[in-house]
Amino acid sequence: MKELEGINQIDYPELQKLVDHPTPKILLDVREYEEYVEGHIPGIPLIPMSEIVDLIDEFNKDQDYVFICRSGRRSQEVAKFFKMNGIESVSNYEGGMLEWQGKIETGETNIVKEVSEIYKTTSEEE
């Protein structure tokens, strides 16, 4: 697996696999609200990068996370931030939404209000 600054990098085929066949990994879109509403990957919740800093203590440290943004830059920063805060199992979708070729959904679906919501949806799908 490719790494950049100590963060696993996943590409489009790998992310498409995770979207099609949900695993315990939690996929999170970290773009801003306006970007998410314009188009996002169906089923992937939004927690903007600007809010994650204040919410970091609410995330389960034993969980696997994959972060998505527009180009892969912000999601890389979020992954590094998680690692600095003791959450080791993080990956970055390196191409971001610019490289996403799968389905896209618009509107206010899956906007996270409480971090605990991201764990409920995962356990229900298993």
Foldseek 3Di string as FASTA:
>chain_A
DDDDPLAAEDEQVVVVVCLVPPDQEQEEEADDPVVQQAKDDPPHAYDHLVRCVVCLVVDDLAGAYEYAYAAQPSSVVVQVVNVVVNNNRYHYHHGHPVRHDDDMDHHDPRYDPHPVVSNVVSVVVD
